[in-house]
Amino acid sequence: MGDSGQVRPPIVLQSTITCPRCGAKKTETMPTDACVFVYECGACGGHFAPKRGHCCVFCSYGTVQCPPVQESSASRNEAVGGLGGAHD
């Protein structure tokens, strides 16, 4: 396995999550070692889970996908030499 010469982008840890119930937004720091399956909105108190096919609430309702998906996407892009994203 050789060096492709490509530099992986840094993993983004901040994501602004939008409540699907009331539309409130809050910027959160995502964990790097786990997916968040249930999130409680601080504005309306509603609890929500990921959309079908998504691993966590950040992938469903956040502005940035979770670190494990970012890492997986970067690895996949490196392997094929192209661009792409999870959950498209």
N, C-alpha and C. Protein backbone atom coordinates (compact mmCIF):
# COMPACT_ATOMS: atom_id res chain seq x y z
N MET A 1 0.85 -1.18 0.00
CA MET A 1 0.00 0.00 0.00
C MET A 1 0.89 1.23 0.00
N GLY A 2 0.77 2.09 -1.02
CA GLY A 2 1.64 3.25 -1.13
C GLY A 2 0.96 4.51 -0.66
N ASP A 3 1.77 5.55 -0.56
CA ASP A 3 1.27 6.86 -0.16
C ASP A 3 0.64 7.52 -1.38
N SER A 4 -0.61 7.90 -1.28
CA SER A 4 -1.32 8.48 -2.41
C SER A 4 -0.97 9.95 -2.61
N GLY A 5 -0.26 10.55 -1.64
CA GLY A 5 0.08 11.96 -1.75
C GLY A 5 -1.03 12.88 -1.31
N GLN A 6 -2.18 12.31 -0.96
CA GLN A 6 -3.31 13.13 -0.51
C GLN A 6 -3.25 13.29 1.00
N VAL A 7 -3.63 14.46 1.45
CA VAL A 7 -3.67 14.75 2.88
C VAL A 7 -5.13 14.66 3.32
N ARG A 8 -5.36 13.89 4.37
CA ARG A 8 -6.73 13.78 4.89
C ARG A 8 -7.12 15.09 5.57
N PRO A 9 -8.34 15.53 5.33
CA PRO A 9 -8.80 16.73 6.04
C PRO A 9 -8.95 16.41 7.52
N PRO A 10 -8.79 17.42 8.37
CA PRO A 10 -8.95 17.17 9.80
C PRO A 10 -10.41 16.80 10.12
N ILE A 11 -10.58 16.01 11.16
CA ILE A 11 -11.92 15.64 11.61
C ILE A 11 -12.54 16.85 12.31
N VAL A 12 -13.74 17.21 11.91
CA VAL A 12 -14.46 18.33 12.51
C VAL A 12 -15.25 17.80 13.71
N LEU A 13 -15.10 18.44 14.85
CA LEU A 13 -15.77 17.97 16.06
C LEU A 13 -17.00 18.80 16.44
N GLN A 14 -17.19 19.95 15.82
CA GLN A 14 -18.34 20.80 16.13
C GLN A 14 -19.41 20.63 15.05
N SER A 15 -20.65 20.47 15.48
CA SER A 15 -21.78 20.36 14.56
C SER A 15 -22.96 21.09 15.17
N THR A 16 -23.68 21.83 14.35
CA THR A 16 -24.89 22.51 14.83
C THR A 16 -26.06 21.60 14.52
N ILE A 17 -26.71 21.16 15.58
CA ILE A 17 -27.82 20.22 15.45
C ILE A 17 -29.14 21.01 15.49
N THR A 18 -30.07 20.66 14.62
CA THR A 18 -31.36 21.34 14.52
C THR A 18 -32.45 20.38 14.97
N CYS A 19 -33.25 20.81 15.94
CA CYS A 19 -34.34 19.99 16.44
C CYS A 19 -35.41 19.84 15.35
N PRO A 20 -35.77 18.61 15.00
CA PRO A 20 -36.79 18.41 13.98
C PRO A 20 -38.19 18.79 14.47
N ARG A 21 -38.33 18.94 15.76
CA ARG A 21 -39.64 19.26 16.34
C ARG A 21 -39.90 20.76 16.37
N CYS A 22 -38.93 21.55 16.90
CA CYS A 22 -39.17 22.98 17.07
C CYS A 22 -38.24 23.86 16.24
N GLY A 23 -37.21 23.27 15.64
CA GLY A 23 -36.30 24.03 14.80
C GLY A 23 -35.17 24.73 15.55
N ALA A 24 -35.10 24.56 16.87
CA ALA A 24 -34.02 25.18 17.64
C ALA A 24 -32.68 24.60 17.19
N LYS A 25 -31.65 25.43 17.23
CA LYS A 25 -30.31 25.02 16.82
C LYS A 25 -29.36 25.16 17.99
N LYS A 26 -28.43 24.20 18.09
CA LYS A 26 -27.41 24.28 19.13
C LYS A 26 -26.14 23.63 18.61
N THR A 27 -25.02 24.33 18.79
CA THR A 27 -23.73 23.77 18.39
C THR A 27 -23.22 22.89 19.52
N GLU A 28 -22.87 21.67 19.15
CA GLU A 28 -22.40 20.67 20.11
C GLU A 28 -21.04 20.13 19.68
N THR A 29 -20.29 19.64 20.65
CA THR A 29 -19.05 18.92 20.36
C THR A 29 -19.40 17.45 20.27
N MET A 30 -19.07 16.83 19.15
CA MET A 30 -19.40 15.43 18.95
C MET A 30 -18.35 14.53 19.60
N PRO A 31 -18.78 13.40 20.17
CA PRO A 31 -17.80 12.46 20.69
C PRO A 31 -17.04 11.81 19.53
N THR A 32 -15.78 11.46 19.78
CA THR A 32 -14.98 10.85 18.73
C THR A 32 -15.03 9.33 18.77
N ASP A 33 -15.55 8.78 19.86
CA ASP A 33 -15.50 7.33 20.05
C ASP A 33 -16.86 6.66 20.14
N ALA A 34 -17.93 7.40 19.84
CA ALA A 34 -19.27 6.83 19.96
C ALA A 34 -20.24 7.63 19.10
N CYS A 35 -21.35 7.00 18.76
CA CYS A 35 -22.43 7.68 18.06
C CYS A 35 -23.50 8.08 19.07
N VAL A 36 -24.15 9.20 18.84
CA VAL A 36 -25.22 9.68 19.73
C VAL A 36 -26.55 9.23 19.12
N PHE A 37 -27.24 8.33 19.81
CA PHE A 37 -28.48 7.75 19.29
C PHE A 37 -29.72 8.52 19.71
N VAL A 38 -29.68 9.18 20.86
CA VAL A 38 -30.82 9.95 21.33
C VAL A 38 -30.33 11.32 21.77
N TYR A 39 -31.06 12.34 21.36
CA TYR A 39 -30.70 13.71 21.70
C TYR A 39 -31.92 14.40 22.29
N GLU A 40 -31.70 15.19 23.33
CA GLU A 40 -32.79 15.95 23.94
C GLU A 40 -32.61 17.42 23.60
N CYS A 41 -33.63 18.01 23.01
CA CYS A 41 -33.60 19.43 22.66
C CYS A 41 -33.72 20.26 23.93
N GLY A 42 -32.81 21.19 24.10
CA GLY A 42 -32.85 22.06 25.27
C GLY A 42 -33.96 23.08 25.22
N ALA A 43 -34.50 23.35 24.04
CA ALA A 43 -35.56 24.34 23.90
C ALA A 43 -36.95 23.78 24.16
N CYS A 44 -37.28 22.65 23.53
CA CYS A 44 -38.64 22.10 23.66
C CYS A 44 -38.71 20.84 24.51
N GLY A 45 -37.55 20.27 24.84
CA GLY A 45 -37.54 19.05 25.65
C GLY A 45 -37.80 17.78 24.86
N GLY A 46 -37.98 17.91 23.57
CA GLY A 46 -38.24 16.74 22.74
C GLY A 46 -37.01 15.86 22.62
N HIS A 47 -37.26 14.56 22.49
CA HIS A 47 -36.19 13.59 22.28
C HIS A 47 -36.30 13.08 20.85
N PHE A 48 -35.17 12.95 20.18
CA PHE A 48 -35.22 12.39 18.83
C PHE A 48 -34.03 11.50 18.58
N ALA A 49 -34.22 10.63 17.59
CA ALA A 49 -33.25 9.60 17.22
C ALA A 49 -32.85 9.80 15.76
N PRO A 50 -31.82 9.10 15.30
CA PRO A 50 -31.40 9.24 13.90
C PRO A 50 -32.49 8.82 12.91
N LYS A 51 -32.43 9.40 11.73
CA LYS A 51 -33.30 8.96 10.64
C LYS A 51 -32.86 7.57 10.20
N ARG A 52 -33.76 6.83 9.61
CA ARG A 52 -33.46 5.48 9.12
C ARG A 52 -32.25 5.52 8.19
N GLY A 53 -31.29 4.64 8.45
CA GLY A 53 -30.09 4.55 7.63
C GLY A 53 -28.93 5.40 8.11
N HIS A 54 -29.17 6.24 9.09
CA HIS A 54 -28.11 7.07 9.65
C HIS A 54 -27.65 6.48 10.98
N CYS A 55 -26.37 6.69 11.30
CA CYS A 55 -25.83 6.07 12.51
C CYS A 55 -26.10 6.88 13.77
N CYS A 56 -26.35 8.19 13.63
CA CYS A 56 -26.53 9.02 14.83
C CYS A 56 -27.29 10.29 14.50
N VAL A 57 -27.64 11.03 15.54
CA VAL A 57 -28.42 12.26 15.34
C VAL A 57 -27.63 13.34 14.61
N PHE A 58 -26.30 13.34 14.74
CA PHE A 58 -25.50 14.34 14.02
C PHE A 58 -25.55 14.09 12.52
N CYS A 59 -25.54 12.84 12.12
CA CYS A 59 -25.63 12.51 10.69
C CYS A 59 -27.01 12.85 10.12
N SER A 60 -28.02 12.84 10.97
CA SER A 60 -29.38 13.15 10.53
C SER A 60 -29.73 14.63 10.62
N TYR A 61 -29.34 15.28 11.71
CA TYR A 61 -29.81 16.64 11.99
C TYR A 61 -28.71 17.66 12.18
N GLY A 62 -27.47 17.26 12.02
CA GLY A 62 -26.34 18.17 12.23
C GLY A 62 -25.81 18.76 10.94
N THR A 63 -25.03 19.81 11.09
CA THR A 63 -24.40 20.46 9.93
C THR A 63 -23.15 19.70 9.49
N VAL A 64 -22.62 18.84 10.37
CA VAL A 64 -21.43 18.05 10.08
C VAL A 64 -21.71 16.62 10.52
N GLN A 65 -21.33 15.65 9.71
CA GLN A 65 -21.52 14.24 10.09
C GLN A 65 -20.56 13.89 11.22
N CYS A 66 -20.88 12.82 11.93
CA CYS A 66 -20.10 12.40 13.10
C CYS A 66 -18.67 12.00 12.72
N PRO A 67 -17.73 12.08 13.67
CA PRO A 67 -16.33 11.73 13.38
C PRO A 67 -16.13 10.34 12.76
N PRO A 68 -16.80 9.28 13.23
CA PRO A 68 -16.59 7.98 12.58
C PRO A 68 -16.98 7.99 11.09
N VAL A 69 -18.03 8.69 10.74
CA VAL A 69 -18.45 8.76 9.33
C VAL A 69 -17.48 9.63 8.54
N GLN A 70 -17.00 10.73 9.14
CA GLN A 70 -16.00 11.56 8.47
C GLN A 70 -14.75 10.74 8.17
N GLU A 71 -14.30 9.96 9.15
CA GLU A 71 -13.10 9.13 8.98
C GLU A 71 -13.33 8.08 7.90
N SER A 72 -14.48 7.44 7.93
CA SER A 72 -14.81 6.42 6.94
C SER A 72 -14.87 7.02 5.54
N SER A 73 -15.47 8.19 5.44
CA SER A 73 -15.59 8.86 4.15
C SER A 73 -14.22 9.25 3.62
N ALA A 74 -13.34 9.75 4.49
CA ALA A 74 -11.98 10.14 4.08
C ALA A 74 -11.21 8.92 3.61
N SER A 75 -11.36 7.80 4.29
CA SER A 75 -10.67 6.57 3.90
C SER A 75 -11.17 6.06 2.56
N ARG A 76 -12.50 6.12 2.38
CA ARG A 76 -13.10 5.66 1.13
C ARG A 76 -12.65 6.56 -0.02
N ASN A 77 -12.63 7.87 0.20
CA ASN A 77 -12.21 8.81 -0.84
C ASN A 77 -10.75 8.59 -1.21
N GLU A 78 -9.93 8.28 -0.22
CA GLU A 78 -8.52 8.00 -0.47
C GLU A 78 -8.37 6.76 -1.35
N ALA A 79 -9.19 5.75 -1.06
CA ALA A 79 -9.09 4.48 -1.78
C ALA A 79 -9.51 4.61 -3.25
N VAL A 80 -10.53 5.44 -3.51
CA VAL A 80 -11.02 5.57 -4.87
C VAL A 80 -10.52 6.84 -5.57
N GLY A 81 -9.88 7.71 -4.78
CA GLY A 81 -9.32 8.93 -5.37
C GLY A 81 -10.37 9.93 -5.78
N GLY A 82 -11.55 9.86 -5.18
CA GLY A 82 -12.61 10.79 -5.55
C GLY A 82 -13.28 11.39 -4.35
N LEU A 83 -14.33 12.10 -4.61
CA LEU A 83 -15.10 12.72 -3.56
C LEU A 83 -16.38 11.94 -3.34
N GLY A 84 -16.95 12.10 -2.18
CA GLY A 84 -18.22 11.44 -1.88
C GLY A 84 -18.51 11.61 -0.42
N GLY A 85 -19.72 11.33 -0.03
CA GLY A 85 -20.09 11.47 1.35
C GLY A 85 -21.04 10.37 1.76
N ALA A 86 -21.06 10.10 3.02
CA ALA A 86 -21.99 9.11 3.54
C ALA A 86 -23.38 9.72 3.60
N HIS A 87 -24.36 8.90 3.49
CA HIS A 87 -25.78 9.29 3.65
C HIS A 87 -26.24 10.22 2.56
N ASP A 88 -25.62 10.23 1.40
CA ASP A 88 -26.09 11.09 0.31
C ASP A 88 -27.29 10.50 -0.35
